[in-house]
Structure formats: C-alpha cells, structure tokens
N, C-alpha and C. Protein backbone atom coordinates (compact mmCIF):
# COMPACT_ATOMS: atom_id res chain seq x y z
N UNK A 1 29.14 22.78 -5.17
CA UNK A 1 27.57 22.12 -4.63
C UNK A 1 27.22 21.43 -5.65
N UNK A 2 26.48 20.37 -5.76
CA UNK A 2 25.94 19.47 -6.78
C UNK A 2 24.65 20.08 -6.91
N UNK A 3 24.02 20.46 -8.35
CA UNK A 3 22.87 20.92 -8.39
C UNK A 3 21.87 20.40 -8.25
N UNK A 4 22.43 19.02 -8.21
CA UNK A 4 20.75 18.04 -8.34
C UNK A 4 20.66 18.06 -6.73
N UNK A 5 21.43 18.17 -6.04
CA UNK A 5 21.25 18.03 -4.50
C UNK A 5 21.34 19.35 -3.76
N UNK A 6 20.46 20.26 -3.83
CA UNK A 6 20.51 21.52 -3.08
C UNK A 6 19.83 21.17 -1.77
N UNK A 7 20.11 22.09 -0.76
CA UNK A 7 19.39 22.30 0.25
C UNK A 7 17.82 22.53 0.04
N UNK A 8 17.27 23.44 -1.09
CA UNK A 8 16.37 23.43 -1.20
C UNK A 8 15.33 22.13 -1.50
N UNK A 9 16.06 21.46 -2.36
CA UNK A 9 15.81 19.55 -2.68
C UNK A 9 15.51 19.14 -1.43
N UNK A 10 16.37 19.02 -0.51
CA UNK A 10 16.39 18.00 0.62
C UNK A 10 15.30 18.88 1.39
N UNK A 11 14.62 19.94 1.43
CA UNK A 11 13.46 20.74 2.28
C UNK A 11 12.39 20.07 1.70
N UNK A 12 12.41 19.69 0.23
CA UNK A 12 11.52 19.17 -0.33
C UNK A 12 11.20 17.81 0.00
N UNK A 13 11.87 17.14 -0.14
CA UNK A 13 11.88 15.60 0.54
C UNK A 13 11.49 15.73 1.57
N UNK A 14 11.87 16.28 2.20
CA UNK A 14 11.67 15.98 4.12
C UNK A 14 10.30 16.76 3.89
N UNK A 15 9.66 17.54 3.27
CA UNK A 15 8.28 17.94 3.39
C UNK A 15 7.42 16.92 2.73
N UNK A 16 7.68 16.56 1.65
CA UNK A 16 6.90 15.48 0.91
C UNK A 16 6.93 14.20 1.74
N UNK A 17 7.69 13.95 2.09
CA UNK A 17 8.02 12.23 3.19
C UNK A 17 6.97 12.55 4.30
N UNK A 18 6.92 13.42 5.12
CA UNK A 18 6.55 14.18 6.13
C UNK A 18 5.11 14.22 5.95
N UNK A 19 4.50 14.86 5.06
CA UNK A 19 3.26 15.18 4.31
C UNK A 19 2.44 13.94 4.10
N UNK A 20 3.35 13.19 3.29
CA UNK A 20 2.81 11.87 2.81
C UNK A 20 2.77 10.66 3.91
N UNK A 21 3.44 10.40 4.76
CA UNK A 21 3.18 9.65 5.77
C UNK A 21 2.36 9.92 7.17
N UNK A 22 2.26 11.46 7.16
CA UNK A 22 1.15 11.98 8.23
C UNK A 22 -0.31 11.74 7.30
N UNK A 23 -0.47 11.63 6.33
CA UNK A 23 -1.65 12.17 5.57
C UNK A 23 -2.25 10.65 5.66
N UNK A 24 -3.72 10.90 5.39
CA UNK A 24 -4.61 9.51 5.86
C UNK A 24 -4.06 8.57 5.14
N UNK A 25 -3.58 8.59 3.89
CA UNK A 25 -2.99 7.29 3.23
C UNK A 25 -1.83 6.24 3.96
N UNK A 26 -1.23 7.49 5.02
CA UNK A 26 -0.05 6.99 5.80
C UNK A 26 1.14 6.18 4.74
N UNK A 27 1.21 7.11 3.64
CA UNK A 27 2.15 6.25 3.03
C UNK A 27 3.13 7.15 2.20
N UNK A 28 4.08 7.06 1.30
CA UNK A 28 4.55 7.69 0.31
C UNK A 28 4.24 7.26 -0.95
N UNK A 29 4.41 7.59 -1.87
CA UNK A 29 3.83 6.88 -3.35
C UNK A 29 4.82 5.50 -3.49
N UNK A 30 5.63 5.28 -2.98
CA UNK A 30 6.35 3.92 -3.13
C UNK A 30 5.73 2.80 -2.04
N UNK A 31 5.65 3.37 -0.70
CA UNK A 31 5.05 2.78 0.27
C UNK A 31 3.52 2.26 -0.50
N UNK A 32 3.01 2.73 -1.18
CA UNK A 32 1.51 2.78 -1.35
C UNK A 32 1.59 1.49 -2.31
N UNK A 33 2.36 1.85 -3.01
CA UNK A 33 2.51 0.69 -4.66
C UNK A 33 3.09 -0.57 -3.88
N UNK A 34 3.56 -0.61 -2.96
CA UNK A 34 3.76 -1.95 -2.28
C UNK A 34 2.86 -2.45 -1.20
N UNK A 35 1.90 -1.46 -0.73
CA UNK A 35 0.76 -2.14 0.00
C UNK A 35 1.26 -1.72 1.49
N UNK A 36 2.10 -0.66 1.65
CA UNK A 36 2.55 -0.37 3.20
C UNK A 36 2.13 0.86 3.63
N UNK A 37 2.11 1.05 4.70
CA UNK A 37 1.75 2.33 5.88
C UNK A 37 2.19 2.34 6.78
N UNK A 38 2.66 3.64 7.30
CA UNK A 38 3.43 4.01 8.44
C UNK A 38 2.43 4.23 9.45
N UNK A 39 2.61 3.82 10.89
CA UNK A 39 2.00 4.07 12.26
C UNK A 39 2.48 4.05 13.08
N UNK A 40 1.86 4.73 14.15
CA UNK A 40 2.59 4.74 15.35
C UNK A 40 2.45 3.28 15.92
N UNK A 41 2.96 3.20 17.09
CA UNK A 41 3.20 1.51 17.87
C UNK A 41 1.80 1.19 18.09
N UNK A 42 0.55 1.89 17.93
CA UNK A 42 -0.43 1.69 18.48
C UNK A 42 -1.42 1.28 16.95
N UNK A 43 -0.96 1.51 15.99
CA UNK A 43 -1.49 1.53 14.77
C UNK A 43 -2.26 2.58 14.01
N UNK A 44 -1.88 3.75 14.82
CA UNK A 44 -2.49 5.32 14.79
C UNK A 44 -1.94 5.92 13.71
N UNK A 45 -2.72 6.88 12.69
CA UNK A 45 -1.69 7.75 11.78
C UNK A 45 -0.82 8.87 12.87
N UNK A 46 0.23 8.75 11.83
CA UNK A 46 1.47 9.62 12.61
C UNK A 46 1.35 11.17 12.02
N UNK A 47 1.61 11.91 13.20
CA UNK A 47 1.90 13.31 12.74
C UNK A 47 3.21 13.69 11.83
N UNK A 48 3.08 14.96 11.45
CA UNK A 48 4.04 15.26 10.87
C UNK A 48 5.31 15.31 11.48
N UNK A 49 5.15 16.05 12.73
CA UNK A 49 6.70 15.68 13.35
C UNK A 49 7.15 14.36 13.59
N UNK A 50 6.50 13.36 13.68
CA UNK A 50 7.13 12.43 13.86
C UNK A 50 7.53 11.73 12.65
N UNK A 51 6.71 11.91 11.60
CA UNK A 51 7.34 11.90 10.25
C UNK A 51 8.76 12.23 10.04
N UNK A 52 8.82 13.49 10.20
CA UNK A 52 9.95 14.06 10.27
C UNK A 52 11.16 13.42 10.86
N UNK A 53 10.85 13.27 12.29
CA UNK A 53 11.94 12.46 13.09
C UNK A 53 12.29 11.34 12.58
N UNK A 54 11.20 10.35 11.77
CA UNK A 54 11.45 9.25 11.66
C UNK A 54 12.44 9.24 10.03
N UNK A 55 12.19 10.40 9.33
CA UNK A 55 13.14 10.66 8.15
C UNK A 55 14.51 10.73 8.32
N UNK A 56 14.61 11.81 9.55
CA UNK A 56 16.02 12.31 9.88
C UNK A 56 16.67 10.65 10.77
N UNK A 57 15.70 10.17 11.30
CA UNK A 57 16.48 8.95 11.94
C UNK A 57 17.03 8.08 11.02
N UNK A 58 16.89 8.12 9.68
CA UNK A 58 17.47 7.52 8.64
C UNK A 58 18.93 7.71 8.75
N UNK A 59 19.31 9.01 9.14
CA UNK A 59 20.60 9.18 9.04
C UNK A 59 21.23 8.11 10.00
N UNK A 60 21.14 7.51 11.27
CA UNK A 60 21.25 6.79 12.22
C UNK A 60 21.60 5.26 11.51
N UNK A 61 21.00 5.24 10.14
CA UNK A 61 21.28 3.84 9.39
C UNK A 61 22.60 3.92 8.65
N UNK A 62 22.55 5.37 8.05
CA UNK A 62 23.71 5.78 7.39
C UNK A 62 25.03 5.70 8.10
N UNK A 63 24.85 6.18 9.40
CA UNK A 63 26.17 6.48 10.03
C UNK A 63 26.61 4.94 10.88
N UNK A 64 25.27 3.98 10.94
CA UNK A 64 25.94 2.67 11.18
C UNK A 64 25.99 1.82 10.11
N UNK A 65 26.26 2.18 9.09
CA UNK A 65 26.89 1.39 7.68
C UNK A 65 25.91 0.70 7.36
N UNK A 66 24.47 0.84 7.66
CA UNK A 66 23.48 0.34 7.22
C UNK A 66 22.64 -0.87 8.31
N UNK A 67 23.58 -1.15 9.14
CA UNK A 67 22.91 -1.76 10.39
C UNK A 67 21.91 -1.48 11.06
N UNK A 68 21.31 -0.20 10.88
CA UNK A 68 19.68 0.06 11.26
C UNK A 68 18.71 -0.62 10.35
N UNK A 69 19.40 -0.74 8.76
CA UNK A 69 18.23 -1.47 8.23
C UNK A 69 18.46 -2.99 8.20
N UNK A 70 19.61 -3.42 8.20
CA UNK A 70 19.68 -5.08 8.55
C UNK A 70 19.10 -5.37 9.81
N UNK A 71 18.91 -4.54 10.70
CA UNK A 71 18.07 -4.96 12.02
C UNK A 71 16.47 -5.39 11.82
N UNK A 72 16.08 -4.66 10.74
CA UNK A 72 14.60 -4.75 10.19
C UNK A 72 14.72 -6.66 10.06
N UNK A 73 15.62 -7.21 9.59
CA UNK A 73 15.30 -8.63 9.45
C UNK A 73 15.41 -9.49 10.77
N UNK A 74 15.85 -8.86 11.89
CA UNK A 74 16.05 -9.68 12.87
C UNK A 74 14.95 -9.15 14.14
N UNK A 75 14.57 -7.73 14.09
CA UNK A 75 13.73 -7.46 14.86
C UNK A 75 12.37 -8.24 14.87
N UNK A 76 11.55 -8.11 16.12
CA UNK A 76 10.36 -9.07 16.04
C UNK A 76 9.45 -8.23 14.96
N UNK A 77 9.41 -6.98 15.44
CA UNK A 77 8.40 -6.08 14.59
C UNK A 77 8.68 -5.18 13.59
N UNK A 78 9.93 -5.91 13.44
CA UNK A 78 10.53 -5.52 11.88
C UNK A 78 10.64 -4.02 11.70
N UNK A 79 11.41 -3.57 12.60
CA UNK A 79 11.76 -2.05 13.04
C UNK A 79 13.23 -1.67 12.37
N UNK A 80 13.58 -0.53 11.78
CA UNK A 80 14.65 -0.20 11.85
C UNK A 80 15.00 0.90 12.72
N UNK A 81 16.25 1.30 12.78
CA UNK A 81 16.99 2.48 13.79
C UNK A 81 15.94 3.60 13.57
N UNK A 82 15.50 4.04 12.48
CA UNK A 82 14.69 5.02 12.05
C UNK A 82 13.09 4.95 12.96
N UNK A 83 12.97 3.62 12.86
CA UNK A 83 11.52 3.44 13.39
C UNK A 83 11.30 3.70 14.85
N UNK A 84 12.55 2.75 15.11
CA UNK A 84 12.71 2.84 16.76
C UNK A 84 12.62 4.31 17.30
N UNK A 85 13.42 4.97 16.86
CA UNK A 85 13.68 6.43 17.29
C UNK A 85 12.19 7.42 17.35
N UNK A 86 11.71 6.98 16.05
CA UNK A 86 10.25 7.64 16.07
C UNK A 86 8.99 6.86 16.57
N UNK A 87 9.41 5.66 16.99
CA UNK A 87 8.48 4.98 17.82
C UNK A 87 7.37 4.64 16.63
N UNK A 88 7.66 4.11 15.43
CA UNK A 88 6.84 3.79 14.21
C UNK A 88 6.79 2.43 14.05
N UNK A 89 5.81 1.79 13.50
CA UNK A 89 6.02 0.62 12.72
C UNK A 89 5.35 0.99 11.39
N UNK A 90 6.05 -0.15 10.02
CA UNK A 90 5.45 -0.18 9.06
C UNK A 90 4.65 -1.33 8.99
N UNK A 91 3.37 -1.11 8.44
CA UNK A 91 2.49 -2.39 8.25
C UNK A 91 1.81 -2.79 6.92
N UNK A 92 1.50 -3.80 6.65
CA UNK A 92 0.81 -4.25 4.95
C UNK A 92 -0.61 -3.84 5.29
N UNK A 93 -0.90 -3.28 4.34
CA UNK A 93 -2.16 -2.89 4.11
C UNK A 93 -3.15 -3.92 3.27
N UNK A 94 -4.05 -3.94 3.65
CA UNK A 94 -5.00 -5.09 2.84
C UNK A 94 -5.16 -4.65 0.99
N UNK A 95 -5.01 -5.95 0.27
CA UNK A 95 -5.08 -5.61 -0.68
C UNK A 95 -6.18 -5.12 -1.49
N UNK A 96 -6.11 -3.77 -2.15
CA UNK A 96 -7.46 -3.35 -2.62
C UNK A 96 -7.82 -4.26 -3.73
N UNK A 97 -9.52 -4.36 -3.86
CA UNK A 97 -9.88 -5.14 -4.82
C UNK A 97 -9.87 -4.82 -6.12
N UNK A 98 -9.39 -5.76 -7.16
CA UNK A 98 -9.34 -4.94 -8.58
C UNK A 98 -10.76 -4.50 -9.08
N UNK A 99 -10.42 -3.25 -9.69
CA UNK A 99 -11.57 -2.57 -10.48
C UNK A 99 -12.11 -3.49 -11.72
N UNK A 100 -13.14 -3.71 -11.69
CA UNK A 100 -14.07 -4.28 -12.88
C UNK A 100 -14.97 -3.91 -13.43
N UNK A 101 -15.53 -3.70 -14.02
CA UNK A 101 -16.97 -3.52 -14.90
C UNK A 101 -17.77 -4.69 -15.16
N UNK A 102 -18.79 -4.65 -14.52
CA UNK A 102 -19.70 -5.67 -14.93
C UNK A 102 -20.00 -6.12 -16.09
N UNK A 103 -19.95 -7.25 -16.54
CA UNK A 103 -20.47 -7.53 -18.34
C UNK A 103 -21.91 -7.92 -18.18
N UNK A 104 -22.96 -7.24 -18.54
CA UNK A 104 -24.26 -7.11 -18.70
C UNK A 104 -24.53 -9.02 -19.53
N UNK A 105 -25.15 -9.70 -18.63
CA UNK A 105 -25.74 -11.32 -18.88
C UNK A 105 -26.38 -11.04 -20.35
N UNK A 106 -25.51 -11.82 -21.06
CA UNK A 106 -26.04 -12.23 -22.77
C UNK A 106 -25.06 -11.54 -23.55
N UNK A 107 -24.12 -10.58 -22.94
CA UNK A 107 -23.38 -9.86 -24.20
C UNK A 107 -21.92 -10.65 -24.10
N UNK A 108 -21.21 -10.19 -25.33
CA UNK A 108 -19.88 -10.70 -25.30
C UNK A 108 -18.45 -9.76 -24.96
N UNK A 109 -17.88 -9.96 -24.34
CA UNK A 109 -16.67 -8.94 -23.79
C UNK A 109 -16.08 -8.65 -25.07
N UNK A 110 -15.50 -7.51 -25.07
CA UNK A 110 -14.93 -7.14 -26.56
C UNK A 110 -13.23 -6.87 -26.01
N UNK A 111 -12.29 -7.33 -26.63
CA UNK A 111 -11.06 -7.01 -26.18
C UNK A 111 -10.29 -5.78 -26.88
C-alpha cells in the first residue's frame, strides 16, 4: 500500500471537498483563489451530500479517459460529467475589491 495514499487520506480529501463546497464560500481553497464557486443548477448553495456525489462523479472522468473534463469545453453550461451527475455548476464570483488603507490628505505615503 502506498503510504501517501491511504484510505484515511481519501476520507479526509472527500470530507474536505464536501465540507468546503457545501460551506457558505461554496468553494475549495483553489476555487476561491480562482474566483469560482459551486452551486446547484438554480445558483443555490449545495449540501454535503451533493458535494460528495460531485466528488465521486470525477471517477466518470477518469473512466472515460478525460472525456468528462473535455466536455466542459463544448457543453453550453461548462459542466463536466461530475457536474452533470450531481446537477451542479461552477460559477465565477465577483472579484473582491482590493483592501486599501486610506491615506490622510496632506501626508506622504511611505513604502
């Protein structure tokens, strides 16, 4: 057995993905960094069960030699096989405004 990939690490990955995609942020850390979020087909937050179905749906992409991921390029709603199975979509979020500190009038900013 590969010590890096054990059943317990798979369970952690499934729990992490399900928890993050069903949270208020609706995204894993990578999706957040890219400004993406996972919703149901109506744009609502998905539950842990649906996020887990979506995670296991990725196996369809592997069994189809990546055709499930390739379908994203041609599908109008940009859904992979795993999104179609779980009835989810990945949407772009509005970019966050940069955090700035106002500089008082008459002062010189320091770098």
